[in-house]
Protein backbone atom coordinates (compact mmCIF):
# COMPACT_ATOMS: atom_id res chain seq x y z
CA MET A 1 0.00 0.00 0.00
CA GLY A 2 2.58 2.60 1.04
CA ILE A 3 2.43 6.11 2.39
CA LYS A 4 2.07 9.30 0.37
CA VAL A 5 3.77 12.39 1.77
CA GLU A 6 2.78 15.75 0.28
CA VAL A 7 4.55 19.01 1.07
CA PHE A 8 2.61 22.19 0.35
CA SER A 9 4.69 25.26 -0.42
CA THR A 10 4.75 28.36 -2.58
CA PRO A 11 7.38 29.54 -5.06
CA GLY A 12 10.02 31.70 -3.43
CA CYS A 13 9.40 30.42 0.10
CA SER A 14 12.97 30.23 1.41
CA HIS A 15 11.90 28.48 4.62
CA CYS A 16 10.10 25.86 2.52
CA ASP A 17 13.17 25.23 0.37
CA ARG A 18 15.59 24.84 3.29
CA ALA A 19 13.52 22.31 5.19
CA ARG A 20 12.12 20.40 2.23
CA ASP A 21 15.38 18.77 1.15
CA SER A 22 16.18 17.27 4.53
CA LEU A 23 12.62 16.04 4.99
CA LYS A 24 12.59 14.52 1.52
CA ALA A 25 15.76 12.59 2.37
CA ILE A 26 14.09 11.21 5.51
CA ALA A 27 11.06 10.05 3.52
CA GLN A 28 13.18 8.51 0.77
CA ALA A 29 15.26 6.61 3.33
CA PHE A 30 12.22 4.40 3.95
CA GLY A 31 12.28 3.35 0.28
CA GLU A 32 10.22 4.56 -2.66
CA ASP A 33 8.13 1.40 -2.53
CA ARG A 34 7.02 2.31 1.00
CA VAL A 35 6.92 6.14 0.98
CA THR A 36 6.23 8.40 -1.99
CA TRP A 37 7.06 12.10 -1.93
CA ARG A 38 5.08 14.79 -3.72
CA GLU A 39 5.73 18.51 -3.73
CA VAL A 40 2.55 20.56 -4.13
CA ASN A 41 2.56 24.16 -5.33
CA LEU A 42 -0.09 25.70 -3.13
CA LEU A 43 -0.95 28.31 -5.74
CA ASN A 44 -1.59 25.69 -8.43
CA GLU A 45 -3.60 23.34 -6.22
CA LEU A 46 -5.37 25.76 -3.91
CA ASP A 47 -8.68 23.86 -3.89
CA TYR A 48 -6.97 20.63 -2.85
CA ALA A 49 -4.97 22.45 -0.16
CA VAL A 50 -8.12 24.06 1.26
CA GLU A 51 -9.87 20.68 1.22
CA LEU A 52 -7.11 19.29 3.45
CA GLY A 53 -7.13 22.33 5.74
CA VAL A 54 -3.80 23.79 4.67
CA LEU A 55 -3.86 27.42 5.77
CA THR A 56 -0.25 28.50 5.33
CA PRO A 57 2.83 27.07 3.68
CA PRO A 58 4.86 25.10 4.36
CA SER A 59 2.58 22.28 5.50
CA LEU A 60 2.79 18.51 5.24
CA ALA A 61 0.06 15.95 4.60
CA ILE A 62 0.29 12.19 4.86
CA ASN A 63 -2.14 10.00 2.93
CA GLY A 64 -4.41 12.94 2.19
CA GLU A 65 -4.58 14.17 5.79
CA LEU A 66 -2.95 17.36 7.09
CA VAL A 67 -0.59 16.08 9.77
CA PHE A 68 1.79 19.01 10.23
CA ALA A 69 0.46 22.56 9.75
CA ARG A 70 4.12 23.62 9.84
CA LEU A 71 6.97 21.51 8.54
CA PRO A 72 8.09 19.00 11.16
CA SER A 73 11.62 18.39 12.29
CA ALA A 74 13.44 15.48 10.67
CA ALA A 75 12.93 13.42 13.85
CA GLN A 76 9.20 14.17 13.95
CA LEU A 77 8.72 13.08 10.34
CA ARG A 78 10.85 9.96 10.81
CA ASP A 79 8.85 8.96 13.90
CA GLU A 80 5.48 9.61 12.21
CA LEU A 81 6.39 7.61 9.11
CA ALA A 82 7.83 4.74 11.15
CA ARG A 83 4.67 4.63 13.29
CA ARG A 84 2.40 4.57 10.24
CA LEU A 85 4.45 1.91 8.47
CA GLU A 86 4.44 -0.24 11.59
CA ARG A 87 0.66 0.10 11.82
CA GLU A 88 0.34 -0.98 8.17
CA HIS A 89 2.18 -4.21 8.90
CA THR A 90 0.32 -5.26 12.03
């Protein structure tokens, strides 16, 4: 089944850019067959972002659910993904 991670940001958001790369590396460390990464331009997909409850960038959704209204730390994302993957396999 796998987990889908979506990061919502806007062009020119320097805070988004700095954090996104390290978080992407965390997600990819689980393997692309287990965790997929998608970057969402908030301006291009505003309706979808509003549907999920994204109010400000950067935000992060997992499996279509807003989990972090602000980007998490690397440890927070790692823990959340590990917990969800463990739950998938039990």
